[in-house]
Amino acid sequence: MSRIRKLKIEAIRKANHQVLNEQPHRDATIKIQKFLNAKKITGDEGKPLEEDGLTCIDLSCQTAQAISKYQSSIGVWPAEGVWGPDTMEKMPKEDKELLESFGSWFERLF
């Protein structure tokens, strides 16, 4: 891969990371982290998630890994580790209720 292509990819990753970690996405991510912790779904390290609102667009961070595990468990494909409408649609009713207990923020996003 050329040096210019690598630099472009890195710039896109940084921009995506910045957007994902701004409000209101950061507030939404905290709610998702609380939900996943309540369900005892972890990233690859096996530790509870930090409820800091930070995530990533690939599976390099614990939050994205935990989201991917949850997506797999409810039949979302592909389980990319990015929370979106497909995840919300496939959630069982009791999971939606648990998620809502952390606030009704998701209706504004999805």
C-alpha atoms as a PDB file:
ATOM      1  CA  MET A   1       0.000   0.000   0.000  1.00  0.00           C
ATOM      2  CA  SER A   2       1.364   3.417  -0.894  1.00  0.00           C
ATOM      3  CA  ARG A   3       2.368   5.924   1.763  1.00  0.00           C
ATOM      4  CA  ILE A   4      -0.257   8.418   0.516  1.00  0.00           C
ATOM      5  CA  ARG A   5      -3.019   5.807   0.732  1.00  0.00           C
ATOM      6  CA  LYS A   6      -1.946   4.905   4.282  1.00  0.00           C
ATOM      7  CA  LEU A   7      -2.025   8.579   5.272  1.00  0.00           C
ATOM      8  CA  LYS A   8      -5.516   8.999   3.769  1.00  0.00           C
ATOM      9  CA  ILE A   9      -6.815   5.946   5.618  1.00  0.00           C
ATOM     10  CA  GLU A  10      -5.329   7.202   8.884  1.00  0.00           C
ATOM     11  CA  ALA A  11      -6.894  10.656   8.370  1.00  0.00           C
ATOM     12  CA  ILE A  12     -10.317   9.061   7.752  1.00  0.00           C
ATOM     13  CA  ARG A  13      -9.987   6.918  10.899  1.00  0.00           C
ATOM     14  CA  LYS A  14      -9.088   9.964  13.006  1.00  0.00           C
ATOM     15  CA  ALA A  15     -12.024  11.954  11.613  1.00  0.00           C
ATOM     16  CA  ASN A  16     -14.454   9.080  12.253  1.00  0.00           C
ATOM     17  CA  HIS A  17     -13.108   8.628  15.778  1.00  0.00           C
ATOM     18  CA  GLN A  18     -13.582  12.332  16.473  1.00  0.00           C
ATOM     19  CA  VAL A  19     -17.193  12.313  15.207  1.00  0.00           C
ATOM     20  CA  LEU A  20     -18.068   9.144  17.133  1.00  0.00           C
ATOM     21  CA  ASN A  21     -16.785  10.605  20.369  1.00  0.00           C
ATOM     22  CA  GLU A  22     -18.632  13.950  20.211  1.00  0.00           C
ATOM     23  CA  GLN A  23     -22.020  14.720  21.783  1.00  0.00           C
ATOM     24  CA  PRO A  24     -24.721  13.377  21.363  1.00  0.00           C
ATOM     25  CA  HIS A  25     -22.958  10.209  20.207  1.00  0.00           C
ATOM     26  CA  ARG A  26     -20.835  10.132  23.337  1.00  0.00           C
ATOM     27  CA  ASP A  27     -23.916  10.298  25.582  1.00  0.00           C
ATOM     28  CA  ALA A  28     -25.516   7.499  23.556  1.00  0.00           C
ATOM     29  CA  THR A  29     -22.353   5.402  23.824  1.00  0.00           C
ATOM     30  CA  ILE A  30     -22.345   5.773  27.614  1.00  0.00           C
ATOM     31  CA  LYS A  31     -25.912   4.428  27.700  1.00  0.00           C
ATOM     32  CA  ILE A  32     -24.889   1.505  25.473  1.00  0.00           C
ATOM     33  CA  GLN A  33     -21.875   0.797  27.701  1.00  0.00           C
ATOM     34  CA  LYS A  34     -24.141   0.784  30.781  1.00  0.00           C
ATOM     35  CA  PHE A  35     -26.524  -1.590  28.991  1.00  0.00           C
ATOM     36  CA  LEU A  36     -23.723  -3.965  27.962  1.00  0.00           C
ATOM     37  CA  ASN A  37     -22.270  -3.917  31.479  1.00  0.00           C
ATOM     38  CA  ALA A  38     -25.706  -4.716  32.924  1.00  0.00           C
ATOM     39  CA  LYS A  39     -25.890  -7.675  30.501  1.00  0.00           C
ATOM     40  CA  LYS A  40     -22.316  -8.665  31.503  1.00  0.00           C
ATOM     41  CA  ILE A  41     -21.148  -8.466  27.895  1.00  0.00           C
ATOM     42  CA  THR A  42     -17.485  -7.549  27.668  1.00  0.00           C
ATOM     43  CA  GLY A  43     -14.828  -6.880  25.080  1.00  0.00           C
ATOM     44  CA  ASP A  44     -12.037  -9.347  24.399  1.00  0.00           C
ATOM     45  CA  GLU A  45     -10.261  -8.447  27.656  1.00  0.00           C
ATOM     46  CA  GLY A  46     -13.199  -9.845  29.635  1.00  0.00           C
ATOM     47  CA  LYS A  47     -13.485  -6.769  31.873  1.00  0.00           C
ATOM     48  CA  PRO A  48     -16.520  -4.531  32.375  1.00  0.00           C
ATOM     49  CA  LEU A  49     -16.557  -1.655  29.912  1.00  0.00           C
ATOM     50  CA  GLU A  50     -15.439   1.781  30.986  1.00  0.00           C
ATOM     51  CA  GLU A  51     -18.520   3.991  30.858  1.00  0.00           C
ATOM     52  CA  ASP A  52     -16.643   6.849  29.236  1.00  0.00           C
ATOM     53  CA  GLY A  53     -18.598   7.251  25.989  1.00  0.00           C
ATOM     54  CA  LEU A  54     -15.625   6.367  23.811  1.00  0.00           C
ATOM     55  CA  THR A  55     -15.818   3.852  20.977  1.00  0.00           C
ATOM     56  CA  CYS A  56     -14.292   3.142  17.564  1.00  0.00           C
ATOM     57  CA  ILE A  57     -15.395   2.146  14.074  1.00  0.00           C
ATOM     58  CA  ASP A  58     -13.490  -1.121  14.004  1.00  0.00           C
ATOM     59  CA  LEU A  59     -13.064  -3.917  16.515  1.00  0.00           C
ATOM     60  CA  SER A  60      -9.917  -2.466  18.089  1.00  0.00           C
ATOM     61  CA  CYS A  61     -11.634  -1.157  21.234  1.00  0.00           C
ATOM     62  CA  GLN A  62     -13.465  -2.948  24.034  1.00  0.00           C
ATOM     63  CA  THR A  63     -16.815  -1.212  23.440  1.00  0.00           C
ATOM     64  CA  ALA A  64     -16.943  -2.176  19.753  1.00  0.00           C
ATOM     65  CA  GLN A  65     -15.947  -5.751  20.640  1.00  0.00           C
ATOM     66  CA  ALA A  66     -18.753  -5.969  23.220  1.00  0.00           C
ATOM     67  CA  ILE A  67     -21.279  -4.486  20.781  1.00  0.00           C
ATOM     68  CA  SER A  68     -20.216  -7.064  18.198  1.00  0.00           C
ATOM     69  CA  LYS A  69     -20.710  -9.887  20.711  1.00  0.00           C
ATOM     70  CA  TYR A  70     -24.163  -8.577  21.561  1.00  0.00           C
ATOM     71  CA  GLN A  71     -25.067  -8.198  17.880  1.00  0.00           C
ATOM     72  CA  SER A  72     -24.028 -11.808  17.230  1.00  0.00           C
ATOM     73  CA  SER A  73     -26.168 -12.983  20.145  1.00  0.00           C
ATOM     74  CA  ILE A  74     -29.319 -11.355  18.709  1.00  0.00           C
ATOM     75  CA  GLY A  75     -28.729 -12.269  15.076  1.00  0.00           C
ATOM     76  CA  VAL A  76     -27.432  -8.993  13.643  1.00  0.00           C
ATOM     77  CA  TRP A  77     -25.291  -9.626  10.599  1.00  0.00           C
ATOM     78  CA  PRO A  78     -22.706  -8.458  10.018  1.00  0.00           C
ATOM     79  CA  ALA A  79     -21.821  -7.944  13.677  1.00  0.00           C
ATOM     80  CA  GLU A  80     -19.519  -5.004  13.042  1.00  0.00           C
ATOM     81  CA  GLY A  81     -19.481  -3.513  16.514  1.00  0.00           C
ATOM     82  CA  VAL A  82     -21.267  -0.325  15.472  1.00  0.00           C
ATOM     83  CA  TRP A  83     -24.643   0.280  17.144  1.00  0.00           C
ATOM     84  CA  GLY A  84     -27.363   1.276  14.706  1.00  0.00           C
ATOM     85  CA  PRO A  85     -30.923   0.690  13.508  1.00  0.00           C
ATOM     86  CA  ASP A  86     -30.342  -3.018  12.726  1.00  0.00           C
ATOM     87  CA  THR A  87     -29.258  -3.630  16.311  1.00  0.00           C
ATOM     88  CA  MET A  88     -32.245  -1.726  17.699  1.00  0.00           C
ATOM     89  CA  GLU A  89     -34.646  -3.627  15.433  1.00  0.00           C
ATOM     90  CA  LYS A  90     -33.372  -7.077  16.452  1.00  0.00           C
ATOM     91  CA  MET A  91     -33.276  -6.397  20.206  1.00  0.00           C
ATOM     92  CA  PRO A  92     -35.633  -8.526  22.295  1.00  0.00           C
ATOM     93  CA  LYS A  93     -38.329  -6.581  24.141  1.00  0.00           C
ATOM     94  CA  GLU A  94     -36.711  -7.122  27.551  1.00  0.00           C
ATOM     95  CA  ASP A  95     -33.396  -5.784  26.249  1.00  0.00           C
ATOM     96  CA  LYS A  96     -35.123  -2.707  24.828  1.00  0.00           C
ATOM     97  CA  GLU A  97     -36.711  -2.117  28.222  1.00  0.00           C
ATOM     98  CA  LEU A  98     -33.344  -2.447  29.955  1.00  0.00           C
ATOM     99  CA  LEU A  99     -31.747  -0.059  27.466  1.00  0.00           C
ATOM    100  CA  GLU A 100     -34.587   2.434  27.955  1.00  0.00           C
ATOM    101  CA  SER A 101     -33.984   2.322  31.713  1.00  0.00           C
ATOM    102  CA  PHE A 102     -30.749   4.207  31.025  1.00  0.00           C
ATOM    103  CA  GLY A 103     -32.698   6.955  29.179  1.00  0.00           C
ATOM    104  CA  SER A 104     -34.763   7.319  26.010  1.00  0.00           C
ATOM    105  CA  TRP A 105     -31.890   8.938  24.110  1.00  0.00           C
ATOM    106  CA  PHE A 106     -31.863   6.336  21.322  1.00  0.00           C
ATOM    107  CA  GLU A 107     -35.165   7.470  19.784  1.00  0.00           C
ATOM    108  CA  ARG A 108     -33.492  10.715  18.719  1.00  0.00           C
ATOM    109  CA  LEU A 109     -30.554   8.894  17.126  1.00  0.00           C
ATOM    110  CA  PHE A 110     -32.258   5.957  15.418  1.00  0.00           C
END
